[in-house]
Amino acid sequence: NARAQATEAMRRAEVEEAARAEWQRFWGSGASYTPAS
């Protein structure tokens, strides 16, 4: 049971890290669009 819980926690952490990385790719540097001529 402890092994299963640790495996699930590891899987959850991996999913959260992947989601954070995806959000960072989507959000980029955080600088908003600046119009240019």
Full PDB file with SEQRES, HELIX, SHEET, SSBOND, CRYST1, ORIGX, SCALE, CONECT and MASTER records, all heavy atoms in Angstrom:
SEQRES   1 A   37  ASN ALA ARG ALA GLN ALA THR GLU ALA MET ARG ARG ALA          
SEQRES   2 A   37  GLU VAL GLU GLU ALA ALA ARG ALA GLU TRP GLN ARG PHE          
SEQRES   3 A   37  TRP GLY SER GLY ALA SER TYR THR PRO ALA SER                  
HELIX    1 AA1 ALA A    2  TRP A   27  1                                  26    
CRYST1    1.000    1.000    1.000  90.00  90.00  90.00 P 1           1          
ORIGX1      1.000000  0.000000  0.000000        0.00000                         
ORIGX2      0.000000  1.000000  0.000000        0.00000                         
ORIGX3      0.000000  0.000000  1.000000        0.00000                         
SCALE1      1.000000  0.000000  0.000000        0.00000                         
SCALE2      0.000000  1.000000  0.000000        0.00000                         
SCALE3      0.000000  0.000000  1.000000        0.00000                         
ATOM      1  N   ASN A   1       0.825  -1.197   0.000  1.00  0.00           N  
ATOM      2  CA  ASN A   1       0.000   0.000   0.000  1.00  0.00           C  
ATOM      3  C   ASN A   1       0.867   1.259   0.000  1.00  0.00           C  
ATOM      4  O   ASN A   1       0.592   2.213  -0.734  1.00  0.00           O  
ATOM      5  CB  ASN A   1      -0.938  -0.006   1.206  1.00  0.00           C  
ATOM      6  CG  ASN A   1      -1.996   1.052   1.107  1.00  0.00           C  
ATOM      7  OD1 ASN A   1      -2.495   1.347   0.038  1.00  0.00           O  
ATOM      8  ND2 ASN A   1      -2.349   1.643   2.238  1.00  0.00           N  
ATOM      9  N   ALA A   2       1.923   1.265   0.799  1.00  0.00           N  
ATOM     10  CA  ALA A   2       2.823   2.415   0.829  1.00  0.00           C  
ATOM     11  C   ALA A   2       3.502   2.614  -0.522  1.00  0.00           C  
ATOM     12  O   ALA A   2       3.651   3.745  -0.993  1.00  0.00           O  
ATOM     13  CB  ALA A   2       3.872   2.230   1.927  1.00  0.00           C  
ATOM     14  N   ARG A   3       3.875   1.525  -1.154  1.00  0.00           N  
ATOM     15  CA  ARG A   3       4.504   1.604  -2.484  1.00  0.00           C  
ATOM     16  C   ARG A   3       3.521   2.179  -3.502  1.00  0.00           C  
ATOM     17  O   ARG A   3       3.880   3.021  -4.327  1.00  0.00           O  
ATOM     18  CB  ARG A   3       4.972   0.223  -2.912  1.00  0.00           C  
ATOM     19  CG  ARG A   3       5.658   0.199  -4.246  1.00  0.00           C  
ATOM     20  CD  ARG A   3       6.217  -1.187  -4.554  1.00  0.00           C  
ATOM     21  NE  ARG A   3       6.693  -1.225  -5.910  1.00  0.00           N  
ATOM     22  CZ  ARG A   3       6.411  -2.189  -6.767  1.00  0.00           C  
ATOM     23  NH1 ARG A   3       5.710  -3.223  -6.389  1.00  0.00           N  
ATOM     24  NH2 ARG A   3       6.885  -2.159  -7.993  1.00  0.00           N  
ATOM     25  N   ALA A   4       2.266   1.730  -3.421  1.00  0.00           N  
ATOM     26  CA  ALA A   4       1.244   2.240  -4.342  1.00  0.00           C  
ATOM     27  C   ALA A   4       1.008   3.733  -4.114  1.00  0.00           C  
ATOM     28  O   ALA A   4       0.876   4.503  -5.070  1.00  0.00           O  
ATOM     29  CB  ALA A   4      -0.056   1.459  -4.171  1.00  0.00           C  
ATOM     30  N   GLN A   5       0.973   4.155  -2.865  1.00  0.00           N  
ATOM     31  CA  GLN A   5       0.780   5.573  -2.569  1.00  0.00           C  
ATOM     32  C   GLN A   5       1.958   6.403  -3.063  1.00  0.00           C  
ATOM     33  O   GLN A   5       1.760   7.489  -3.620  1.00  0.00           O  
ATOM     34  CB  GLN A   5       0.582   5.777  -1.067  1.00  0.00           C  
ATOM     35  CG  GLN A   5      -0.764   5.305  -0.566  1.00  0.00           C  
ATOM     36  CD  GLN A   5      -0.911   5.439   0.942  1.00  0.00           C  
ATOM     37  OE1 GLN A   5       0.040   5.751   1.644  1.00  0.00           O  
ATOM     38  NE2 GLN A   5      -2.108   5.187   1.440  1.00  0.00           N  
ATOM     39  N   ALA A   6       3.166   5.907  -2.869  1.00  0.00           N  
ATOM     40  CA  ALA A   6       4.349   6.625  -3.345  1.00  0.00           C  
ATOM     41  C   ALA A   6       4.361   6.714  -4.869  1.00  0.00           C  
ATOM     42  O   ALA A   6       4.696   7.760  -5.436  1.00  0.00           O  
ATOM     43  CB  ALA A   6       5.617   5.935  -2.843  1.00  0.00           C  
ATOM     44  N   THR A   7       3.977   5.633  -5.522  1.00  0.00           N  
ATOM     45  CA  THR A   7       3.920   5.633  -6.989  1.00  0.00           C  
ATOM     46  C   THR A   7       2.887   6.634  -7.486  1.00  0.00           C  
ATOM     47  O   THR A   7       3.132   7.369  -8.441  1.00  0.00           O  
ATOM     48  CB  THR A   7       3.588   4.218  -7.508  1.00  0.00           C  
ATOM     49  OG1 THR A   7       4.598   3.317  -7.049  1.00  0.00           O  
ATOM     50  CG2 THR A   7       3.520   4.183  -9.027  1.00  0.00           C  
ATOM     51  N   GLU A   8       1.733   6.680  -6.827  1.00  0.00           N  
ATOM     52  CA  GLU A   8       0.685   7.622  -7.214  1.00  0.00           C  
ATOM     53  C   GLU A   8       1.138   9.063  -6.970  1.00  0.00           C  
ATOM     54  O   GLU A   8       0.897   9.940  -7.802  1.00  0.00           O  
ATOM     55  CB  GLU A   8      -0.606   7.337  -6.442  1.00  0.00           C  
ATOM     56  CG  GLU A   8      -1.727   8.302  -6.723  1.00  0.00           C  
ATOM     57  CD  GLU A   8      -2.162   8.383  -8.184  1.00  0.00           C  
ATOM     58  OE1 GLU A   8      -1.857   7.467  -8.975  1.00  0.00           O  
ATOM     59  OE2 GLU A   8      -2.818   9.371  -8.547  1.00  0.00           O  
ATOM     60  N   ALA A   9       1.810   9.311  -5.862  1.00  0.00           N  
ATOM     61  CA  ALA A   9       2.317  10.654  -5.579  1.00  0.00           C  
ATOM     62  C   ALA A   9       3.344  11.075  -6.629  1.00  0.00           C  
ATOM     63  O   ALA A   9       3.350  12.224  -7.086  1.00  0.00           O  
ATOM     64  CB  ALA A   9       2.919  10.708  -4.179  1.00  0.00           C  
ATOM     65  N   MET A  10       4.201  10.142  -7.030  1.00  0.00           N  
ATOM     66  CA  MET A  10       5.200  10.422  -8.059  1.00  0.00           C  
ATOM     67  C   MET A  10       4.514  10.728  -9.393  1.00  0.00           C  
ATOM     68  O   MET A  10       4.886  11.664 -10.091  1.00  0.00           O  
ATOM     69  CB  MET A  10       6.142   9.225  -8.206  1.00  0.00           C  
ATOM     70  CG  MET A  10       7.273   9.440  -9.169  1.00  0.00           C  
ATOM     71  SD  MET A  10       8.454   8.064  -9.211  1.00  0.00           S  
ATOM     72  CE  MET A  10       7.401   6.656  -9.469  1.00  0.00           C  
ATOM     73  N   ARG A  11       3.496   9.939  -9.729  1.00  0.00           N  
ATOM     74  CA  ARG A  11       2.770  10.166 -10.977  1.00  0.00           C  
ATOM     75  C   ARG A  11       2.073  11.533 -10.957  1.00  0.00           C  
ATOM     76  O   ARG A  11       2.121  12.289 -11.923  1.00  0.00           O  
ATOM     77  CB  ARG A  11       1.744   9.053 -11.203  1.00  0.00           C  
ATOM     78  CG  ARG A  11       1.063   9.135 -12.577  1.00  0.00           C  
ATOM     79  CD  ARG A  11      -0.234   8.358 -12.617  1.00  0.00           C  
ATOM     80  NE  ARG A  11      -1.213   8.860 -11.692  1.00  0.00           N  
ATOM     81  CZ  ARG A  11      -1.972   9.942 -11.905  1.00  0.00           C  
ATOM     82  NH1 ARG A  11      -1.832  10.650 -12.999  1.00  0.00           N  
ATOM     83  NH2 ARG A  11      -2.860  10.327 -11.015  1.00  0.00           N  
ATOM     84  N   ARG A  12       1.463  11.870  -9.820  1.00  0.00           N  
ATOM     85  CA  ARG A  12       0.780  13.152  -9.684  1.00  0.00           C  
ATOM     86  C   ARG A  12       1.770  14.311  -9.824  1.00  0.00           C  
ATOM     87  O   ARG A  12       1.476  15.303 -10.499  1.00  0.00           O  
ATOM     88  CB  ARG A  12       0.082  13.217  -8.320  1.00  0.00           C  
ATOM     89  CG  ARG A  12      -1.362  13.581  -8.401  1.00  0.00           C  
ATOM     90  CD  ARG A  12      -2.081  13.747  -7.073  1.00  0.00           C  
ATOM     91  NE  ARG A  12      -1.373  13.392  -5.867  1.00  0.00           N  
ATOM     92  CZ  ARG A  12      -1.542  12.268  -5.196  1.00  0.00           C  
ATOM     93  NH1 ARG A  12      -2.396  11.362  -5.622  1.00  0.00           N  
ATOM     94  NH2 ARG A  12      -0.862  12.034  -4.093  1.00  0.00           N  
ATOM     95  N   ALA A  13       2.932  14.180  -9.187  1.00  0.00           N  
ATOM     96  CA  ALA A  13       3.950  15.230  -9.290  1.00  0.00           C  
ATOM     97  C   ALA A  13       4.424  15.385 -10.725  1.00  0.00           C  
ATOM     98  O   ALA A  13       4.646  16.516 -11.192  1.00  0.00           O  
ATOM     99  CB  ALA A  13       5.125  14.904  -8.372  1.00  0.00           C  
ATOM    100  N   GLU A  14       4.561  14.281 -11.420  1.00  0.00           N  
ATOM    101  CA  GLU A  14       4.988  14.332 -12.819  1.00  0.00           C  
ATOM    102  C   GLU A  14       3.941  15.044 -13.680  1.00  0.00           C  
ATOM    103  O   GLU A  14       4.275  15.872 -14.530  1.00  0.00           O  
ATOM    104  CB  GLU A  14       5.227  12.917 -13.331  1.00  0.00           C  
ATOM    105  CG  GLU A  14       5.797  12.863 -14.728  1.00  0.00           C  
ATOM    106  CD  GLU A  14       6.057  11.429 -15.149  1.00  0.00           C  
ATOM    107  OE1 GLU A  14       5.087  10.732 -15.475  1.00  0.00           O  
ATOM    108  OE2 GLU A  14       7.220  11.027 -15.137  1.00  0.00           O  
ATOM    109  N   VAL A  15       2.672  14.740 -13.450  1.00  0.00           N  
ATOM    110  CA  VAL A  15       1.583  15.383 -14.204  1.00  0.00           C  
ATOM    111  C   VAL A  15       1.554  16.880 -13.906  1.00  0.00           C  
ATOM    112  O   VAL A  15       1.397  17.699 -14.818  1.00  0.00           O  
ATOM    113  CB  VAL A  15       0.228  14.713 -13.865  1.00  0.00           C  
ATOM    114  CG1 VAL A  15      -0.933  15.536 -14.365  1.00  0.00           C  
ATOM    115  CG2 VAL A  15       0.171  13.311 -14.435  1.00  0.00           C  
ATOM    116  N   GLU A  16       1.719  17.243 -12.629  1.00  0.00           N  
ATOM    117  CA  GLU A  16       1.722  18.659 -12.265  1.00  0.00           C  
ATOM    118  C   GLU A  16       2.893  19.394 -12.900  1.00  0.00           C  
ATOM    119  O   GLU A  16       2.745  20.526 -13.367  1.00  0.00           O  
ATOM    120  CB  GLU A  16       1.755  18.806 -10.741  1.00  0.00           C  
ATOM    121  CG  GLU A  16       0.450  18.414 -10.080  1.00  0.00           C  
ATOM    122  CD  GLU A  16       0.543  18.365  -8.565  1.00  0.00           C  
ATOM    123  OE1 GLU A  16       1.587  18.769  -7.993  1.00  0.00           O  
ATOM    124  OE2 GLU A  16      -0.441  17.909  -7.943  1.00  0.00           O  
ATOM    125  N   GLU A  17       4.053  18.773 -12.929  1.00  0.00           N  
ATOM    126  CA  GLU A  17       5.220  19.402 -13.546  1.00  0.00           C  
ATOM    127  C   GLU A  17       5.008  19.566 -15.051  1.00  0.00           C  
ATOM    128  O   GLU A  17       5.359  20.604 -15.629  1.00  0.00           O  
ATOM    129  CB  GLU A  17       6.482  18.580 -13.272  1.00  0.00           C  
ATOM    130  CG  GLU A  17       7.730  19.105 -13.951  1.00  0.00           C  
ATOM    131  CD  GLU A  17       8.082  20.536 -13.560  1.00  0.00           C  
ATOM    132  OE1 GLU A  17       7.708  20.987 -12.465  1.00  0.00           O  
ATOM    133  OE2 GLU A  17       8.729  21.210 -14.383  1.00  0.00           O  
ATOM    134  N   ALA A  18       4.429  18.557 -15.682  1.00  0.00           N  
ATOM    135  CA  ALA A  18       4.142  18.666 -17.124  1.00  0.00           C  
ATOM    136  C   ALA A  18       3.134  19.780 -17.383  1.00  0.00           C  
ATOM    137  O   ALA A  18       3.280  20.539 -18.355  1.00  0.00           O  
ATOM    138  CB  ALA A  18       3.623  17.329 -17.649  1.00  0.00           C  
ATOM    139  N   ALA A  19       2.134  19.911 -16.531  1.00  0.00           N  
ATOM    140  CA  ALA A  19       1.143  20.972 -16.691  1.00  0.00           C  
ATOM    141  C   ALA A  19       1.783  22.348 -16.490  1.00  0.00           C  
ATOM    142  O   ALA A  19       1.490  23.301 -17.218  1.00  0.00           O  
ATOM    143  CB  ALA A  19      -0.001  20.769 -15.698  1.00  0.00           C  
ATOM    144  N   ARG A  20       2.682  22.447 -15.495  1.00  0.00           N  
ATOM    145  CA  ARG A  20       3.372  23.710 -15.258  1.00  0.00           C  
ATOM    146  C   ARG A  20       4.238  24.093 -16.460  1.00  0.00           C  
ATOM    147  O   ARG A  20       4.248  25.244 -16.905  1.00  0.00           O  
ATOM    148  CB  ARG A  20       4.246  23.616 -14.008  1.00  0.00           C  
ATOM    149  CG  ARG A  20       4.834  24.977 -13.583  1.00  0.00           C  
ATOM    150  CD  ARG A  20       5.987  24.836 -12.618  1.00  0.00           C  
ATOM    151  NE  ARG A  20       7.128  24.114 -13.164  1.00  0.00           N  
ATOM    152  CZ  ARG A  20       7.955  24.566 -14.108  1.00  0.00           C  
ATOM    153  NH1 ARG A  20       7.762  25.748 -14.649  1.00  0.00           N  
ATOM    154  NH2 ARG A  20       8.961  23.849 -14.532  1.00  0.00           N  
ATOM    155  N   ALA A  21       4.939  23.111 -17.019  1.00  0.00           N  
ATOM    156  CA  ALA A  21       5.789  23.367 -18.183  1.00  0.00           C  
ATOM    157  C   ALA A  21       4.934  23.777 -19.382  1.00  0.00           C  
ATOM    158  O   ALA A  21       5.301  24.692 -20.134  1.00  0.00           O  
ATOM    159  CB  ALA A  21       6.626  22.128 -18.513  1.00  0.00           C  
ATOM    160  N   GLU A  22       3.799  23.139 -19.548  1.00  0.00           N  
ATOM    161  CA  GLU A  22       2.896  23.495 -20.658  1.00  0.00           C  
ATOM    162  C   GLU A  22       2.361  24.914 -20.481  1.00  0.00           C  
ATOM    163  O   GLU A  22       2.280  25.673 -21.435  1.00  0.00           O  
ATOM    164  CB  GLU A  22       1.749  22.478 -20.727  1.00  0.00           C  
ATOM    165  CG  GLU A  22       0.860  22.629 -21.931  1.00  0.00           C  
ATOM    166  CD  GLU A  22       1.569  22.340 -23.240  1.00  0.00           C  
ATOM    167  OE1 GLU A  22       2.501  21.534 -23.262  1.00  0.00           O  
ATOM    168  OE2 GLU A  22       1.163  22.940 -24.260  1.00  0.00           O  
ATOM    169  N   TRP A  23       2.003  25.265 -19.257  1.00  0.00           N  
ATOM    170  CA  TRP A  23       1.524  26.624 -18.973  1.00  0.00           C  
ATOM    171  C   TRP A  23       2.626  27.631 -19.278  1.00  0.00           C  
ATOM    172  O   TRP A  23       2.360  28.671 -19.873  1.00  0.00           O  
ATOM    173  CB  TRP A  23       1.072  26.722 -17.517  1.00  0.00           C  
ATOM    174  CG  TRP A  23       0.718  28.128 -17.137  1.00  0.00           C  
ATOM    175  CD1 TRP A  23       1.451  28.975 -16.360  1.00  0.00           C  
ATOM    176  CD2 TRP A  23      -0.427  28.867 -17.558  1.00  0.00           C  
ATOM    177  NE1 TRP A  23       0.827  30.182 -16.263  1.00  0.00           N  
ATOM    178  CE2 TRP A  23      -0.336  30.154 -16.991  1.00  0.00           C  
ATOM    179  CE3 TRP A  23      -1.515  28.565 -18.365  1.00  0.00           C  
ATOM    180  CZ2 TRP A  23      -1.285  31.135 -17.197  1.00  0.00           C  
ATOM    181  CZ3 TRP A  23      -2.477  29.550 -18.563  1.00  0.00           C  
ATOM    182  CH2 TRP A  23      -2.366  30.803 -17.990  1.00  0.00           C  
ATOM    183  N   GLN A  24       3.861  27.303 -18.902  1.00  0.00           N  
ATOM    184  CA  GLN A  24       4.981  28.213 -19.154  1.00  0.00           C  
ATOM    185  C   GLN A  24       5.192  28.389 -20.664  1.00  0.00           C  
ATOM    186  O   GLN A  24       5.442  29.498 -21.109  1.00  0.00           O  
ATOM    187  CB  GLN A  24       6.260  27.674 -18.504  1.00  0.00           C  
ATOM    188  CG  GLN A  24       7.429  28.629 -18.567  1.00  0.00           C  
ATOM    189  CD  GLN A  24       7.158  29.940 -17.835  1.00  0.00           C  
ATOM    190  OE1 GLN A  24       6.558  29.948 -16.780  1.00  0.00           O  
ATOM    191  NE2 GLN A  24       7.582  31.030 -18.403  1.00  0.00           N  
ATOM    192  N   ARG A  25       5.078  27.328 -21.423  1.00  0.00           N  
ATOM    193  CA  ARG A  25       5.206  27.434 -22.891  1.00  0.00           C  
ATOM    194  C   ARG A  25       4.087  28.296 -23.463  1.00  0.00           C  
ATOM    195  O   ARG A  25       4.296  29.090 -24.368  1.00  0.00           O  
ATOM    196  CB  ARG A  25       5.179  26.056 -23.534  1.00  0.00           C  
ATOM    197  CG  ARG A  25       6.501  25.348 -23.523  1.00  0.00           C  
ATOM    198  CD  ARG A  25       6.521  24.126 -24.432  1.00  0.00           C  
ATOM    199  NE  ARG A  25       5.600  23.084 -24.010  1.00  0.00           N  
ATOM    200  CZ  ARG A  25       5.848  22.178 -23.067  1.00  0.00           C  
ATOM    201  NH1 ARG A  25       7.012  22.185 -22.445  1.00  0.00           N  
ATOM    202  NH2 ARG A  25       4.961  21.269 -22.743  1.00  0.00           N  
ATOM    203  N   PHE A  26       2.868  28.130 -22.910  1.00  0.00           N  
ATOM    204  CA  PHE A  26       1.722  28.910 -23.396  1.00  0.00           C  
ATOM    205  C   PHE A  26       1.886  30.376 -23.014  1.00  0.00           C  
ATOM    206  O   PHE A  26       1.673  31.265 -23.829  1.00  0.00           O  
ATOM    207  CB  PHE A  26       0.426  28.348 -22.794  1.00  0.00           C  
ATOM    208  CG  PHE A  26      -0.768  29.221 -23.021  1.00  0.00           C  
ATOM    209  CD1 PHE A  26      -1.369  29.285 -24.261  1.00  0.00           C  
ATOM    210  CD2 PHE A  26      -1.285  29.995 -21.987  1.00  0.00           C  
ATOM    211  CE1 PHE A  26      -2.466  30.096 -24.464  1.00  0.00           C  
ATOM    212  CE2 PHE A  26      -2.375  30.812 -22.185  1.00  0.00           C  
ATOM    213  CZ  PHE A  26      -2.968  30.865 -23.427  1.00  0.00           C  
ATOM    214  N   TRP A  27       2.264  30.638 -21.777  1.00  0.00           N  
ATOM    215  CA  TRP A  27       2.345  31.997 -21.259  1.00  0.00           C  
ATOM    216  C   TRP A  27       3.585  32.714 -21.782  1.00  0.00           C  
ATOM    217  O   TRP A  27       3.579  33.920 -21.966  1.00  0.00           O  
ATOM    218  CB  TRP A  27       2.346  31.958 -19.734  1.00  0.00           C  
ATOM    219  CG  TRP A  27       2.252  33.312 -19.103  1.00  0.00           C  
ATOM    220  CD1 TRP A  27       3.233  33.942 -18.420  1.00  0.00           C  
ATOM    221  CD2 TRP A  27       1.142  34.188 -19.116  1.00  0.00           C  
ATOM    222  NE1 TRP A  27       2.812  35.162 -17.986  1.00  0.00           N  
ATOM    223  CE2 TRP A  27       1.513  35.346 -18.410  1.00  0.00           C  
ATOM    224  CE3 TRP A  27      -0.121  34.132 -19.665  1.00  0.00           C  
ATOM    225  CZ2 TRP A  27       0.659  36.421 -18.232  1.00  0.00           C  
ATOM    226  CZ3 TRP A  27      -0.969  35.205 -19.478  1.00  0.00           C  
ATOM    227  CH2 TRP A  27      -0.587  36.325 -18.773  1.00  0.00           C  
ATOM    228  N   GLY A  28       4.625  31.948 -22.033  1.00  0.00           N  
ATOM    229  CA  GLY A  28       5.856  32.540 -22.555  1.00  0.00           C  
ATOM    230  C   GLY A  28       6.581  33.346 -21.505  1.00  0.00           C  
ATOM    231  O   GLY A  28       6.597  33.008 -20.330  1.00  0.00           O  
ATOM    232  N   SER A  29       7.134  34.482 -21.931  1.00  0.00           N  
ATOM    233  CA  SER A  29       7.913  35.309 -21.010  1.00  0.00           C  
ATOM    234  C   SER A  29       7.020  36.163 -20.131  1.00  0.00           C  
ATOM    235  O   SER A  29       7.498  36.803 -19.211  1.00  0.00           O  
ATOM    236  CB  SER A  29       8.867  36.201 -21.803  1.00  0.00           C  
ATOM    237  OG  SER A  29       8.102  37.127 -22.568  1.00  0.00           O  
ATOM    238  N   GLY A  30       5.756  36.232 -20.438  1.00  0.00           N  
ATOM    239  CA  GLY A  30       4.839  37.058 -19.655  1.00  0.00           C  
ATOM    240  C   GLY A  30       4.676  38.452 -20.245  1.00  0.00           C  
ATOM    241  O   GLY A  30       3.840  39.222 -19.799  1.00  0.00           O  
ATOM    242  N   ALA A  31       5.485  38.792 -21.235  1.00  0.00           N  
ATOM    243  CA  ALA A  31       5.359  40.110 -21.864  1.00  0.00           C  
ATOM    244  C   ALA A  31       4.157  40.093 -22.798  1.00  0.00           C  
ATOM    245  O   ALA A  31       3.970  39.162 -23.576  1.00  0.00           O  
ATOM    246  CB  ALA A  31       6.626  40.435 -22.650  1.00  0.00           C  
ATOM    247  N   SER A  32       3.352  41.123 -22.673  1.00  0.00           N  
ATOM    248  CA  SER A  32       2.162  41.161 -23.527  1.00  0.00           C  
ATOM    249  C   SER A  32       2.541  41.641 -24.932  1.00  0.00           C  
ATOM    250  O   SER A  32       3.633  42.138 -25.170  1.00  0.00           O  
ATOM    251  CB  SER A  32       1.120  42.096 -22.913  1.00  0.00           C  
ATOM    252  OG  SER A  32       1.646  43.402 -22.807  1.00  0.00           O  
ATOM    253  N   TYR A  33       1.608  41.547 -25.825  1.00  0.00           N  
ATOM    254  CA  TYR A  33       1.825  41.943 -27.219  1.00  0.00           C  
ATOM    255  C   TYR A  33       2.044  43.448 -27.296  1.00  0.00           C  
ATOM    256  O   TYR A  33       1.330  44.229 -26.676  1.00  0.00           O  
ATOM    257  CB  TYR A  33       0.610  41.526 -28.046  1.00  0.00           C  
ATOM    258  CG  TYR A  33       0.631  42.067 -29.444  1.00  0.00           C  
ATOM    259  CD1 TYR A  33       1.480  41.528 -30.404  1.00  0.00           C  
ATOM    260  CD2 TYR A  33      -0.189  43.123 -29.814  1.00  0.00           C  
ATOM    261  CE1 TYR A  33       1.511  42.021 -31.681  1.00  0.00           C  
ATOM    262  CE2 TYR A  33      -0.168  43.625 -31.082  1.00  0.00           C  
ATOM    263  CZ  TYR A  33       0.688  43.080 -32.024  1.00  0.00           C  
ATOM    264  OH  TYR A  33       0.717  43.569 -33.296  1.00  0.00           O  
ATOM    265  N   THR A  34       3.042  43.846 -28.062  1.00  0.00           N  
ATOM    266  CA  THR A  34       3.317  45.267 -28.289  1.00  0.00           C  
ATOM    267  C   THR A  34       3.175  45.526 -29.782  1.00  0.00           C  
ATOM    268  O   THR A  34       3.908  44.946 -30.590  1.00  0.00           O  
ATOM    269  CB  THR A  34       4.748  45.623 -27.839  1.00  0.00           C  
ATOM    270  OG1 THR A  34       4.920  45.203 -26.485  1.00  0.00           O  
ATOM    271  CG2 THR A  34       5.004  47.109 -27.955  1.00  0.00           C  
ATOM    272  N   PRO A  35       2.225  46.380 -30.134  1.00  0.00           N  
ATOM    273  CA  PRO A  35       2.042  46.647 -31.570  1.00  0.00           C  
ATOM    274  C   PRO A  35       3.248  47.384 -32.157  1.00  0.00           C  
ATOM    275  O   PRO A  35       3.916  48.148 -31.465  1.00  0.00           O  
ATOM    276  CB  PRO A  35       0.786  47.522 -31.639  1.00  0.00           C  
ATOM    277  CG  PRO A  35       0.613  48.068 -30.262  1.00  0.00           C  
ATOM    278  CD  PRO A  35       1.311  47.150 -29.308  1.00  0.00           C  
ATOM    279  N   ALA A  36       3.504  47.126 -33.402  1.00  0.00           N  
ATOM    280  CA  ALA A  36       4.612  47.815 -34.101  1.00  0.00           C  
ATOM    281  C   ALA A  36       4.138  48.198 -35.488  1.00  0.00           C  
ATOM    282  O   ALA A  36       3.277  47.545 -36.073  1.00  0.00           O  
ATOM    283  CB  ALA A  36       5.806  46.867 -34.184  1.00  0.00           C  
ATOM    284  N   SER A  37       4.709  49.271 -36.003  1.00  0.00           N  
ATOM    285  CA  SER A  37       4.369  49.721 -37.343  1.00  0.00           C  
ATOM    286  C   SER A  37       4.928  48.758 -38.374  1.00  0.00           C  
ATOM    287  O   SER A  37       6.036  48.252 -38.207  1.00  0.00           O  
ATOM    288  CB  SER A  37       4.933  51.109 -37.608  1.00  0.00           C  
ATOM    289  OG  SER A  37       4.397  52.030 -36.693  1.00  0.00           O  
TER     290      SER A  37                                                      
MASTER        0    0    0    1    0    0    0    6  289    1    0    3          
END                                                                             
